Amino acid sequence: MPESAGAARKLVRTALAAWHQDHLIDDALNVITELVSNAVDHGRLPSIRILVTRPSDGWIRLGVVDRSRVMPELRTDSDGDQIRGRGLLLVDTLSDRWGTDLHRWGKTVWAELKTEVEQ
């Protein structure tokens, strides 16, 4: 569902601009694209939920909720023939921290980026 990634990018861009965190937009767009792509590829329903929040001062959290309970795996192998499966490596590189919260009905995969504290 390519439209899912486009909608998620628009939401992230709008939120970060409203929060005056324009310097994070490029990294955040890459992160949300990878999280959405993983959810669409591995989720069990045609719908996912996108989260863009500020869980505490100094942090932006991007998340994707899906119905699969399969945990994402960070692939660090260097198999040159493997094109797919490296999205979480990009998420790990571009975000300050990331993780997965399991729910009874699925999971949330999230990534957080540090903000510049407004003065």
PDB file of N, CA and C in Angstrom:
ATOM      1  N   MET A   1       0.813  -1.177   0.000  1.00  0.00           N
ATOM      2  CA  MET A   1       0.000   0.000   0.000  1.00  0.00           C
ATOM      3  C   MET A   1       0.869   1.257   0.000  1.00  0.00           C
ATOM      4  N   PRO A   2       1.306   1.667  -1.156  1.00  0.00           N
ATOM      5  CA  PRO A   2       2.146   2.859  -1.221  1.00  0.00           C
ATOM      6  C   PRO A   2       1.456   4.105  -0.662  1.00  0.00           C
ATOM      7  N   GLU A   3       0.147   4.166  -0.755  1.00  0.00           N
ATOM      8  CA  GLU A   3      -0.566   5.339  -0.238  1.00  0.00           C
ATOM      9  C   GLU A   3      -0.433   5.451   1.279  1.00  0.00           C
ATOM     10  N   SER A   4      -0.241   4.333   1.973  1.00  0.00           N
ATOM     11  CA  SER A   4      -0.056   4.370   3.431  1.00  0.00           C
ATOM     12  C   SER A   4       1.200   5.143   3.796  1.00  0.00           C
ATOM     13  N   ALA A   5       2.285   4.888   3.092  1.00  0.00           N
ATOM     14  CA  ALA A   5       3.539   5.585   3.380  1.00  0.00           C
ATOM     15  C   ALA A   5       3.404   7.073   3.068  1.00  0.00           C
ATOM     16  N   GLY A   6       2.723   7.405   1.987  1.00  0.00           N
ATOM     17  CA  GLY A   6       2.535   8.812   1.631  1.00  0.00           C
ATOM     18  C   GLY A   6       1.727   9.558   2.679  1.00  0.00           C
ATOM     19  N   ALA A   7       0.655   8.940   3.144  1.00  0.00           N
ATOM     20  CA  ALA A   7      -0.176   9.557   4.190  1.00  0.00           C
ATOM     21  C   ALA A   7       0.613   9.710   5.486  1.00  0.00           C
ATOM     22  N   ALA A   8       1.402   8.704   5.825  1.00  0.00           N
ATOM     23  CA  ALA A   8       2.209   8.761   7.048  1.00  0.00           C
ATOM     24  C   ALA A   8       3.250   9.872   6.955  1.00  0.00           C
ATOM     25  N   ARG A   9       3.896  10.007   5.805  1.00  0.00           N
ATOM     26  CA  ARG A   9       4.894  11.065   5.628  1.00  0.00           C
ATOM     27  C   ARG A   9       4.254  12.448   5.768  1.00  0.00           C
ATOM     28  N   LYS A  10       3.069  12.612   5.206  1.00  0.00           N
ATOM     29  CA  LYS A  10       2.379  13.910   5.310  1.00  0.00           C
ATOM     30  C   LYS A  10       2.065  14.233   6.773  1.00  0.00           C
ATOM     31  N   LEU A  11       1.581  13.234   7.511  1.00  0.00           N
ATOM     32  CA  LEU A  11       1.277  13.422   8.928  1.00  0.00           C
ATOM     33  C   LEU A  11       2.529  13.810   9.719  1.00  0.00           C
ATOM     34  N   VAL A  12       3.621  13.112   9.488  1.00  0.00           N
ATOM     35  CA  VAL A  12       4.873  13.380  10.203  1.00  0.00           C
ATOM     36  C   VAL A  12       5.396  14.770   9.858  1.00  0.00           C
ATOM     37  N   ARG A  13       5.396  15.118   8.575  1.00  0.00           N
ATOM     38  CA  ARG A  13       5.882  16.444   8.150  1.00  0.00           C
ATOM     39  C   ARG A  13       5.061  17.553   8.809  1.00  0.00           C
ATOM     40  N   THR A  14       3.734  17.400   8.819  1.00  0.00           N
ATOM     41  CA  THR A  14       2.849  18.407   9.406  1.00  0.00           C
ATOM     42  C   THR A  14       3.100  18.559  10.905  1.00  0.00           C
ATOM     43  N   ALA A  15       3.211  17.430  11.618  1.00  0.00           N
ATOM     44  CA  ALA A  15       3.427  17.474  13.067  1.00  0.00           C
ATOM     45  C   ALA A  15       4.766  18.117  13.408  1.00  0.00           C
ATOM     46  N   LEU A  16       5.816  17.716  12.727  1.00  0.00           N
ATOM     47  CA  LEU A  16       7.135  18.262  13.044  1.00  0.00           C
ATOM     48  C   LEU A  16       7.224  19.755  12.707  1.00  0.00           C
ATOM     49  N   ALA A  17       6.592  20.162  11.636  1.00  0.00           N
ATOM     50  CA  ALA A  17       6.579  21.590  11.306  1.00  0.00           C
ATOM     51  C   ALA A  17       5.814  22.368  12.376  1.00  0.00           C
ATOM     52  N   ALA A  18       4.678  21.834  12.826  1.00  0.00           N
ATOM     53  CA  ALA A  18       3.883  22.505  13.869  1.00  0.00           C
ATOM     54  C   ALA A  18       4.659  22.604  15.181  1.00  0.00           C
ATOM     55  N   TRP A  19       5.517  21.618  15.445  1.00  0.00           N
ATOM     56  CA  TRP A  19       6.313  21.611  16.674  1.00  0.00           C
ATOM     57  C   TRP A  19       7.657  22.325  16.497  1.00  0.00           C
ATOM     58  N   HIS A  20       7.869  22.969  15.345  1.00  0.00           N
ATOM     59  CA  HIS A  20       9.102  23.696  15.056  1.00  0.00           C
ATOM     60  C   HIS A  20      10.328  22.782  15.128  1.00  0.00           C
ATOM     61  N   GLN A  21      10.185  21.582  14.583  1.00  0.00           N
ATOM     62  CA  GLN A  21      11.285  20.611  14.567  1.00  0.00           C
ATOM     63  C   GLN A  21      11.647  20.259  13.117  1.00  0.00           C
ATOM     64  N   ASP A  22      11.701  21.292  12.284  1.00  0.00           N
ATOM     65  CA  ASP A  22      11.954  21.102  10.851  1.00  0.00           C
ATOM     66  C   ASP A  22      13.273  20.365  10.568  1.00  0.00           C
ATOM     67  N   HIS A  23      14.260  20.543  11.422  1.00  0.00           N
ATOM     68  CA  HIS A  23      15.557  19.888  11.234  1.00  0.00           C
ATOM     69  C   HIS A  23      15.465  18.361  11.326  1.00  0.00           C
ATOM     70  N   LEU A  24      14.387  17.847  11.893  1.00  0.00           N
ATOM     71  CA  LEU A  24      14.213  16.393  12.026  1.00  0.00           C
ATOM     72  C   LEU A  24      13.405  15.783  10.885  1.00  0.00           C
ATOM     73  N   ILE A  25      12.825  16.615  10.032  1.00  0.00           N
ATOM     74  CA  ILE A  25      11.861  16.113   9.043  1.00  0.00           C
ATOM     75  C   ILE A  25      12.462  15.056   8.126  1.00  0.00           C
ATOM     76  N   ASP A  26      13.620  15.289   7.542  1.00  0.00           N
ATOM     77  CA  ASP A  26      14.181  14.319   6.592  1.00  0.00           C
ATOM     78  C   ASP A  26      14.395  12.949   7.236  1.00  0.00           C
ATOM     79  N   ASP A  27      15.037  12.925   8.403  1.00  0.00           N
ATOM     80  CA  ASP A  27      15.259  11.638   9.081  1.00  0.00           C
ATOM     81  C   ASP A  27      13.936  10.999   9.479  1.00  0.00           C
ATOM     82  N   ALA A  28      13.015  11.801   9.986  1.00  0.00           N
ATOM     83  CA  ALA A  28      11.724  11.270  10.422  1.00  0.00           C
ATOM     84  C   ALA A  28      10.936  10.682   9.252  1.00  0.00           C
ATOM     85  N   LEU A  29      10.999  11.316   8.091  1.00  0.00           N
ATOM     86  CA  LEU A  29      10.289  10.785   6.924  1.00  0.00           C
ATOM     87  C   LEU A  29      10.863   9.439   6.489  1.00  0.00           C
ATOM     88  N   ASN A  30      12.179   9.311   6.536  1.00  0.00           N
ATOM     89  CA  ASN A  30      12.794   8.021   6.205  1.00  0.00           C
ATOM     90  C   ASN A  30      12.412   6.948   7.220  1.00  0.00           C
ATOM     91  N   VAL A  31      12.407   7.314   8.496  1.00  0.00           N
ATOM     92  CA  VAL A  31      12.055   6.356   9.549  1.00  0.00           C
ATOM     93  C   VAL A  31      10.608   5.899   9.400  1.00  0.00           C
ATOM     94  N   ILE A  32       9.668   6.828   9.250  1.00  0.00           N
ATOM     95  CA  ILE A  32       8.262   6.426   9.172  1.00  0.00           C
ATOM     96  C   ILE A  32       8.004   5.606   7.916  1.00  0.00           C
ATOM     97  N   THR A  33       8.687   5.919   6.828  1.00  0.00           N
ATOM     98  CA  THR A  33       8.526   5.134   5.596  1.00  0.00           C
ATOM     99  C   THR A  33       8.926   3.685   5.833  1.00  0.00           C
ATOM    100  N   GLU A  34      10.032   3.471   6.526  1.00  0.00           N
ATOM    101  CA  GLU A  34      10.483   2.099   6.809  1.00  0.00           C
ATOM    102  C   GLU A  34       9.539   1.380   7.759  1.00  0.00           C
ATOM    103  N   LEU A  35       9.076   2.078   8.798  1.00  0.00           N
ATOM    104  CA  LEU A  35       8.150   1.445   9.746  1.00  0.00           C
ATOM    105  C   LEU A  35       6.836   1.065   9.063  1.00  0.00           C
ATOM    106  N   VAL A  36       6.323   1.951   8.224  1.00  0.00           N
ATOM    107  CA  VAL A  36       5.081   1.654   7.499  1.00  0.00           C
ATOM    108  C   VAL A  36       5.294   0.491   6.535  1.00  0.00           C
ATOM    109  N   SER A  37       6.401   0.515   5.825  1.00  0.00           N
ATOM    110  CA  SER A  37       6.699  -0.555   4.875  1.00  0.00           C
ATOM    111  C   SER A  37       6.732  -1.917   5.563  1.00  0.00           C
ATOM    112  N   ASN A  38       7.388  -1.973   6.724  1.00  0.00           N
ATOM    113  CA  ASN A  38       7.432  -3.232   7.479  1.00  0.00           C
ATOM    114  C   ASN A  38       6.045  -3.671   7.915  1.00  0.00           C
ATOM    115  N   ALA A  39       5.235  -2.732   8.398  1.00  0.00           N
ATOM    116  CA  ALA A  39       3.888  -3.071   8.871  1.00  0.00           C
ATOM    117  C   ALA A  39       3.013  -3.562   7.723  1.00  0.00           C
ATOM    118  N   VAL A  40       3.119  -2.913   6.568  1.00  0.00           N
ATOM    119  CA  VAL A  40       2.328  -3.326   5.407  1.00  0.00           C
ATOM    120  C   VAL A  40       2.777  -4.709   4.929  1.00  0.00           C
ATOM    121  N   ASP A  41       4.089  -4.945   4.925  1.00  0.00           N
ATOM    122  CA  ASP A  41       4.615  -6.237   4.471  1.00  0.00           C
ATOM    123  C   ASP A  41       4.289  -7.372   5.429  1.00  0.00           C
ATOM    124  N   HIS A  42       4.312  -7.098   6.740  1.00  0.00           N
ATOM    125  CA  HIS A  42       4.212  -8.175   7.722  1.00  0.00           C
ATOM    126  C   HIS A  42       2.930  -8.174   8.543  1.00  0.00           C
ATOM    127  N   GLY A  43       2.160  -7.108   8.479  1.00  0.00           N
ATOM    128  CA  GLY A  43       0.914  -7.032   9.244  1.00  0.00           C
ATOM    129  C   GLY A  43      -0.135  -7.971   8.676  1.00  0.00           C
ATOM    130  N   ARG A  44      -1.128  -8.274   9.483  1.00  0.00           N
ATOM    131  CA  ARG A  44      -2.129  -9.243   9.052  1.00  0.00           C
ATOM    132  C   ARG A  44      -3.435  -8.617   8.591  1.00  0.00           C
ATOM    133  N   LEU A  45      -3.554  -7.326   8.679  1.00  0.00           N
ATOM    134  CA  LEU A  45      -4.765  -6.643   8.231  1.00  0.00           C
ATOM    135  C   LEU A  45      -4.387  -5.542   7.248  1.00  0.00           C
ATOM    136  N   PRO A  46      -5.332  -5.142   6.417  1.00  0.00           N
ATOM    137  CA  PRO A  46      -5.017  -4.098   5.440  1.00  0.00           C
ATOM    138  C   PRO A  46      -4.904  -2.704   6.044  1.00  0.00           C
ATOM    139  N   SER A  47      -5.129  -2.570   7.345  1.00  0.00           N
ATOM    140  CA  SER A  47      -5.021  -1.244   7.945  1.00  0.00           C
ATOM    141  C   SER A  47      -3.970  -1.243   9.045  1.00  0.00           C
ATOM    142  N   ILE A  48      -3.317  -0.092   9.178  1.00  0.00           N
ATOM    143  CA  ILE A  48      -2.341   0.133  10.233  1.00  0.00           C
ATOM    144  C   ILE A  48      -2.663   1.489  10.852  1.00  0.00           C
ATOM    145  N   ARG A  49      -2.080   1.758  11.999  1.00  0.00           N
ATOM    146  CA  ARG A  49      -2.275   3.049  12.653  1.00  0.00           C
ATOM    147  C   ARG A  49      -0.918   3.711  12.815  1.00  0.00           C
ATOM    148  N   ILE A  50      -0.872   5.005  12.525  1.00  0.00           N
ATOM    149  CA  ILE A  50       0.355   5.782  12.624  1.00  0.00           C
ATOM    150  C   ILE A  50       0.285   6.645  13.878  1.00  0.00           C
ATOM    151  N   LEU A  51       1.376   6.687  14.632  1.00  0.00           N
ATOM    152  CA  LEU A  51       1.452   7.520  15.828  1.00  0.00           C
ATOM    153  C   LEU A  51       2.583   8.530  15.661  1.00  0.00           C
ATOM    154  N   VAL A  52       2.294   9.774  15.956  1.00  0.00           N
ATOM    155  CA  VAL A  52       3.320  10.820  15.997  1.00  0.00           C
ATOM    156  C   VAL A  52       3.057  11.582  17.287  1.00  0.00           C
ATOM    157  N   THR A  53       3.924  11.381  18.282  1.00  0.00           N
ATOM    158  CA  THR A  53       3.673  11.948  19.606  1.00  0.00           C
ATOM    159  C   THR A  53       4.933  12.581  20.181  1.00  0.00           C
ATOM    160  N   ARG A  54       4.716  13.293  21.270  1.00  0.00           N
ATOM    161  CA  ARG A  54       5.822  13.844  22.063  1.00  0.00           C
ATOM    162  C   ARG A  54       5.690  13.250  23.463  1.00  0.00           C
ATOM    163  N   PRO A  55       6.281  12.078  23.688  1.00  0.00           N
ATOM    164  CA  PRO A  55       6.090  11.391  24.966  1.00  0.00           C
ATOM    165  C   PRO A  55       6.683  12.123  26.164  1.00  0.00           C
ATOM    166  N   SER A  56       7.672  12.969  25.923  1.00  0.00           N
ATOM    167  CA  SER A  56       8.278  13.767  26.992  1.00  0.00           C
ATOM    168  C   SER A  56       9.048  14.909  26.356  1.00  0.00           C
ATOM    169  N   ASP A  57       9.464  15.849  27.178  1.00  0.00           N
ATOM    170  CA  ASP A  57      10.256  16.962  26.654  1.00  0.00           C
ATOM    171  C   ASP A  57      11.504  16.417  25.967  1.00  0.00           C
ATOM    172  N   GLY A  58      11.759  16.917  24.792  1.00  0.00           N
ATOM    173  CA  GLY A  58      12.986  16.540  24.106  1.00  0.00           C
ATOM    174  C   GLY A  58      12.887  15.327  23.202  1.00  0.00           C
ATOM    175  N   TRP A  59      11.697  14.732  23.054  1.00  0.00           N
ATOM    176  CA  TRP A  59      11.569  13.525  22.237  1.00  0.00           C
ATOM    177  C   TRP A  59      10.346  13.573  21.330  1.00  0.00           C
ATOM    178  N   ILE A  60      10.530  13.072  20.116  1.00  0.00           N
ATOM    179  CA  ILE A  60       9.432  12.827  19.175  1.00  0.00           C
ATOM    180  C   ILE A  60       9.378  11.318  18.986  1.00  0.00           C
ATOM    181  N   ARG A  61       8.180  10.745  19.076  1.00  0.00           N
ATOM    182  CA  ARG A  61       8.030   9.303  18.860  1.00  0.00           C
ATOM    183  C   ARG A  61       7.179   9.068  17.621  1.00  0.00           C
ATOM    184  N   LEU A  62       7.715   8.268  16.725  1.00  0.00           N
ATOM    185  CA  LEU A  62       7.005   7.825  15.527  1.00  0.00           C
ATOM    186  C   LEU A  62       6.696   6.355  15.722  1.00  0.00           C
ATOM    187  N   GLY A  63       5.457   5.960  15.478  1.00  0.00           N
ATOM    188  CA  GLY A  63       5.105   4.564  15.678  1.00  0.00           C
ATOM    189  C   GLY A  63       4.126   4.066  14.644  1.00  0.00           C
ATOM    190  N   VAL A  64       4.148   2.770  14.446  1.00  0.00           N
ATOM    191  CA  VAL A  64       3.199   2.107  13.565  1.00  0.00           C
ATOM    192  C   VAL A  64       2.632   0.916  14.318  1.00  0.00           C
ATOM    193  N   VAL A  65       1.308   0.859  14.369  1.00  0.00           N
ATOM    194  CA  VAL A  65       0.596  -0.207  15.065  1.00  0.00           C
ATOM    195  C   VAL A  65       0.023  -1.148  14.020  1.00  0.00           C
ATOM    196  N   ASP A  66       0.263  -2.450  14.200  1.00  0.00           N
ATOM    197  CA  ASP A  66      -0.347  -3.439  13.303  1.00  0.00           C
ATOM    198  C   ASP A  66      -0.831  -4.642  14.105  1.00  0.00           C
ATOM    199  N   ARG A  67      -1.463  -5.579  13.444  1.00  0.00           N
ATOM    200  CA  ARG A  67      -2.077  -6.729  14.115  1.00  0.00           C
ATOM    201  C   ARG A  67      -1.176  -7.946  14.222  1.00  0.00           C
ATOM    202  N   SER A  68       0.036  -7.864  13.723  1.00  0.00           N
ATOM    203  CA  SER A  68       0.962  -8.989  13.802  1.00  0.00           C
ATOM    204  C   SER A  68       1.724  -8.940  15.119  1.00  0.00           C
ATOM    205  N   ARG A  69       1.953 -10.107  15.730  1.00  0.00           N
ATOM    206  CA  ARG A  69       2.759 -10.167  16.946  1.00  0.00           C
ATOM    207  C   ARG A  69       4.183 -10.645  16.649  1.00  0.00           C
ATOM    208  N   VAL A  70       4.517 -10.755  15.372  1.00  0.00           N
ATOM    209  CA  VAL A  70       5.871 -11.153  14.993  1.00  0.00           C
ATOM    210  C   VAL A  70       6.802  -9.977  15.240  1.00  0.00           C
ATOM    211  N   MET A  71       7.839 -10.238  16.026  1.00  0.00           N
ATOM    212  CA  MET A  71       8.787  -9.182  16.389  1.00  0.00           C
ATOM    213  C   MET A  71       9.690  -8.849  15.199  1.00  0.00           C
ATOM    214  N   PRO A  72       9.952  -7.563  14.986  1.00  0.00           N
ATOM    215  CA  PRO A  72      10.863  -7.185  13.905  1.00  0.00           C
ATOM    216  C   PRO A  72      12.289  -7.582  14.261  1.00  0.00           C
ATOM    217  N   GLU A  73      13.067  -7.874  13.238  1.00  0.00           N
ATOM    218  CA  GLU A  73      14.461  -8.268  13.448  1.00  0.00           C
ATOM    219  C   GLU A  73      15.375  -7.263  12.776  1.00  0.00           C
ATOM    220  N   LEU A  74      16.373  -6.824  13.516  1.00  0.00           N
ATOM    221  CA  LEU A  74      17.391  -5.930  12.963  1.00  0.00           C
ATOM    222  C   LEU A  74      18.401  -6.792  12.239  1.00  0.00           C
ATOM    223  N   ARG A  75      18.450  -6.670  10.924  1.00  0.00           N
ATOM    224  CA  ARG A  75      19.377  -7.461  10.118  1.00  0.00           C
ATOM    225  C   ARG A  75      20.650  -6.685   9.914  1.00  0.00           C
ATOM    226  N   THR A  76      21.733  -7.280  10.318  1.00  0.00           N
ATOM    227  CA  THR A  76      23.029  -6.622  10.146  1.00  0.00           C
ATOM    228  C   THR A  76      23.935  -7.424   9.221  1.00  0.00           C
ATOM    229  N   ASP A  77      23.402  -8.493   8.616  1.00  0.00           N
ATOM    230  CA  ASP A  77      24.229  -9.289   7.706  1.00  0.00           C
ATOM    231  C   ASP A  77      24.574  -8.456   6.475  1.00  0.00           C
ATOM    232  N   SER A  78      25.632  -8.814   5.853  1.00  0.00           N
ATOM    233  CA  SER A  78      26.089  -8.049   4.693  1.00  0.00           C
ATOM    234  C   SER A  78      25.928  -8.855   3.414  1.00  0.00           C
ATOM    235  N   ASP A  79      24.881  -9.647   3.325  1.00  0.00           N
ATOM    236  CA  ASP A  79      24.608 -10.431   2.128  1.00  0.00           C
ATOM    237  C   ASP A  79      24.281  -9.464   0.993  1.00  0.00           C
ATOM    238  N   GLY A  80      25.188  -9.326   0.072  1.00  0.00           N
ATOM    239  CA  GLY A  80      25.027  -8.369  -1.014  1.00  0.00           C
ATOM    240  C   GLY A  80      23.821  -8.637  -1.895  1.00  0.00           C
ATOM    241  N   ASP A  81      23.323  -9.872  -1.919  1.00  0.00           N
ATOM    242  CA  ASP A  81      22.177 -10.207  -2.751  1.00  0.00           C
ATOM    243  C   ASP A  81      20.854  -9.856  -2.085  1.00  0.00           C
ATOM    244  N   GLN A  82      20.884  -9.592  -0.795  1.00  0.00           N
ATOM    245  CA  GLN A  82      19.654  -9.326  -0.040  1.00  0.00           C
ATOM    246  C   GLN A  82      19.326  -7.841  -0.105  1.00  0.00           C
ATOM    247  N   ILE A  83      18.344  -7.480  -0.936  1.00  0.00           N
ATOM    248  CA  ILE A  83      17.952  -6.077  -1.071  1.00  0.00           C
ATOM    249  C   ILE A  83      17.001  -5.696   0.054  1.00  0.00           C
ATOM    250  N   ARG A  84      16.025  -6.549   0.320  1.00  0.00           N
ATOM    251  CA  ARG A  84      15.010  -6.254   1.329  1.00  0.00           C
ATOM    252  C   ARG A  84      15.485  -6.705   2.703  1.00  0.00           C
ATOM    253  N   GLY A  85      14.822  -6.198   3.738  1.00  0.00           N
ATOM    254  CA  GLY A  85      15.119  -6.664   5.084  1.00  0.00           C
ATOM    255  C   GLY A  85      16.093  -5.807   5.863  1.00  0.00           C
ATOM    256  N   ARG A  86      16.489  -4.681   5.298  1.00  0.00           N
ATOM    257  CA  ARG A  86      17.446  -3.824   5.990  1.00  0.00           C
ATOM    258  C   ARG A  86      16.822  -2.535   6.489  1.00  0.00           C
ATOM    259  N   GLY A  87      15.506  -2.422   6.432  1.00  0.00           N
ATOM    260  CA  GLY A  87      14.833  -1.198   6.841  1.00  0.00           C
ATOM    261  C   GLY A  87      15.072  -0.822   8.284  1.00  0.00           C
ATOM    262  N   LEU A  88      15.096  -1.811   9.169  1.00  0.00           N
ATOM    263  CA  LEU A  88      15.323  -1.506  10.580  1.00  0.00           C
ATOM    264  C   LEU A  88      16.745  -1.025  10.851  1.00  0.00           C
ATOM    265  N   LEU A  89      17.668  -1.413  10.003  1.00  0.00           N
ATOM    266  CA  LEU A  89      19.031  -0.892  10.131  1.00  0.00           C
ATOM    267  C   LEU A  89      19.022   0.615   9.873  1.00  0.00           C
ATOM    268  N   LEU A  90      18.237   1.044   8.896  1.00  0.00           N
ATOM    269  CA  LEU A  90      18.083   2.474   8.624  1.00  0.00           C
ATOM    270  C   LEU A  90      17.397   3.165   9.802  1.00  0.00           C
ATOM    271  N   VAL A  91      16.343   2.543  10.335  1.00  0.00           N
ATOM    272  CA  VAL A  91      15.649   3.100  11.510  1.00  0.00           C
ATOM    273  C   VAL A  91      16.627   3.222  12.673  1.00  0.00           C
ATOM    274  N   ASP A  92      17.434   2.207  12.898  1.00  0.00           N
ATOM    275  CA  ASP A  92      18.406   2.205  13.985  1.00  0.00           C
ATOM    276  C   ASP A  92      19.449   3.318  13.803  1.00  0.00           C
ATOM    277  N   THR A  93      19.837   3.559  12.572  1.00  0.00           N
ATOM    278  CA  THR A  93      20.839   4.584  12.274  1.00  0.00           C
ATOM    279  C   THR A  93      20.280   5.992  12.427  1.00  0.00           C
ATOM    280  N   LEU A  94      19.055   6.216  11.958  1.00  0.00           N
ATOM    281  CA  LEU A  94      18.494   7.568  11.924  1.00  0.00           C
ATOM    282  C   LEU A  94      17.815   8.000  13.223  1.00  0.00           C
ATOM    283  N   SER A  95      17.405   7.040  14.038  1.00  0.00           N
ATOM    284  CA  SER A  95      16.717   7.393  15.283  1.00  0.00           C
ATOM    285  C   SER A  95      17.680   7.295  16.459  1.00  0.00           C
ATOM    286  N   ASP A  96      17.291   7.914  17.562  1.00  0.00           N
ATOM    287  CA  ASP A  96      18.123   7.847  18.763  1.00  0.00           C
ATOM    288  C   ASP A  96      17.861   6.572  19.554  1.00  0.00           C
ATOM    289  N   ARG A  97      16.644   6.050  19.424  1.00  0.00           N
ATOM    290  CA  ARG A  97      16.302   4.761  20.044  1.00  0.00           C
ATOM    291  C   ARG A  97      15.034   4.264  19.373  1.00  0.00           C
ATOM    292  N   TRP A  98      14.849   2.937  19.397  1.00  0.00           N
ATOM    293  CA  TRP A  98      13.649   2.353  18.822  1.00  0.00           C
ATOM    294  C   TRP A  98      13.328   1.064  19.563  1.00  0.00           C
ATOM    295  N   GLY A  99      12.114   0.588  19.383  1.00  0.00           N
ATOM    296  CA  GLY A  99      11.728  -0.647  20.052  1.00  0.00           C
ATOM    297  C   GLY A  99      10.357  -1.120  19.592  1.00  0.00           C
ATOM    298  N   THR A 100       9.894  -2.145  20.276  1.00  0.00           N
ATOM    299  CA  THR A 100       8.606  -2.746  19.956  1.00  0.00           C
ATOM    300  C   THR A 100       7.837  -2.985  21.240  1.00  0.00           C
ATOM    301  N   ASP A 101       6.576  -2.589  21.258  1.00  0.00           N
ATOM    302  CA  ASP A 101       5.678  -2.877  22.373  1.00  0.00           C
ATOM    303  C   ASP A 101       4.668  -3.905  21.894  1.00  0.00           C
ATOM    304  N   LEU A 102       4.657  -5.067  22.550  1.00  0.00           N
ATOM    305  CA  LEU A 102       3.686  -6.114  22.192  1.00  0.00           C
ATOM    306  C   LEU A 102       2.361  -5.847  22.891  1.00  0.00           C
ATOM    307  N   HIS A 103       1.291  -6.107  22.175  1.00  0.00           N
ATOM    308  CA  HIS A 103      -0.057  -6.017  22.722  1.00  0.00           C
ATOM    309  C   HIS A 103      -0.719  -7.381  22.545  1.00  0.00           C
ATOM    310  N   ARG A 104      -1.813  -7.595  23.212  1.00  0.00           N
ATOM    311  CA  ARG A 104      -2.544  -8.859  23.095  1.00  0.00           C
ATOM    312  C   ARG A 104      -2.958  -9.102  21.634  1.00  0.00           C
ATOM    313  N   TRP A 105      -3.238  -8.049  20.912  1.00  0.00           N
ATOM    314  CA  TRP A 105      -3.791  -8.112  19.564  1.00  0.00           C
ATOM    315  C   TRP A 105      -2.801  -7.729  18.466  1.00  0.00           C
ATOM    316  N   GLY A 106      -1.555  -7.417  18.814  1.00  0.00           N
ATOM    317  CA  GLY A 106      -0.579  -7.012  17.799  1.00  0.00           C
ATOM    318  C   GLY A 106       0.624  -6.338  18.430  1.00  0.00           C
ATOM    319  N   LYS A 107       1.148  -5.310  17.773  1.00  0.00           N
ATOM    320  CA  LYS A 107       2.336  -4.631  18.287  1.00  0.00           C
ATOM    321  C   LYS A 107       2.403  -3.198  17.785  1.00  0.00           C
ATOM    322  N   THR A 108       3.236  -2.421  18.474  1.00  0.00           N
ATOM    323  CA  THR A 108       3.621  -1.093  18.033  1.00  0.00           C
ATOM    324  C   THR A 108       5.132  -1.094  17.868  1.00  0.00           C
ATOM    325  N   VAL A 109       5.599  -0.756  16.690  1.00  0.00           N
ATOM    326  CA  VAL A 109       7.030  -0.570  16.474  1.00  0.00           C
ATOM    327  C   VAL A 109       7.238   0.938  16.427  1.00  0.00           C
ATOM    328  N   TRP A 110       8.165   1.425  17.245  1.00  0.00           N
ATOM    329  CA  TRP A 110       8.349   2.866  17.382  1.00  0.00           C
ATOM    330  C   TRP A 110       9.822   3.239  17.284  1.00  0.00           C
ATOM    331  N   ALA A 111      10.037   4.501  16.963  1.00  0.00           N
ATOM    332  CA  ALA A 111      11.381   5.072  16.947  1.00  0.00           C
ATOM    333  C   ALA A 111      11.285   6.475  17.509  1.00  0.00           C
ATOM    334  N   GLU A 112      12.300   6.884  18.250  1.00  0.00           N
ATOM    335  CA  GLU A 112      12.304   8.217  18.842  1.00  0.00           C
ATOM    336  C   GLU A 112      13.507   9.010  18.362  1.00  0.00           C
ATOM    337  N   LEU A 113      13.246  10.310  18.172  1.00  0.00           N
ATOM    338  CA  LEU A 113      14.293  11.245  17.776  1.00  0.00           C
ATOM    339  C   LEU A 113      14.339  12.362  18.814  1.00  0.00           C
ATOM    340  N   LYS A 114      15.548  12.757  19.180  1.00  0.00           N
ATOM    341  CA  LYS A 114      15.720  13.863  20.127  1.00  0.00           C
ATOM    342  C   LYS A 114      15.395  15.175  19.439  1.00  0.00           C
ATOM    343  N   THR A 115      14.718  16.061  20.152  1.00  0.00           N
ATOM    344  CA  THR A 115      14.384  17.370  19.612  1.00  0.00           C
ATOM    345  C   THR A 115      15.335  18.412  20.173  1.00  0.00           C
ATOM    346  N   GLU A 116      15.263  19.572  19.586  1.00  0.00           N
ATOM    347  CA  GLU A 116      15.936  20.725  20.168  1.00  0.00           C
ATOM    348  C   GLU A 116      14.930  21.352  21.119  1.00  0.00           C
ATOM    349  N   VAL A 117      15.311  21.539  22.342  1.00  0.00           N
ATOM    350  CA  VAL A 117      14.424  22.111  23.334  1.00  0.00           C
ATOM    351  C   VAL A 117      14.230  23.589  23.006  1.00  0.00           C
ATOM    352  N   GLU A 118      12.972  24.000  22.885  1.00  0.00           N
ATOM    353  CA  GLU A 118      12.676  25.403  22.593  1.00  0.00           C
ATOM    354  C   GLU A 118      12.956  26.262  23.817  1.00  0.00           C
ATOM    355  N   GLN A 119      13.471  27.461  23.575  1.00  0.00           N
ATOM    356  CA  GLN A 119      13.820  28.347  24.689  1.00  0.00           C
ATOM    357  C   GLN A 119      12.896  29.523  24.731  1.00  0.00           C
TER     358      GLN A 119
END
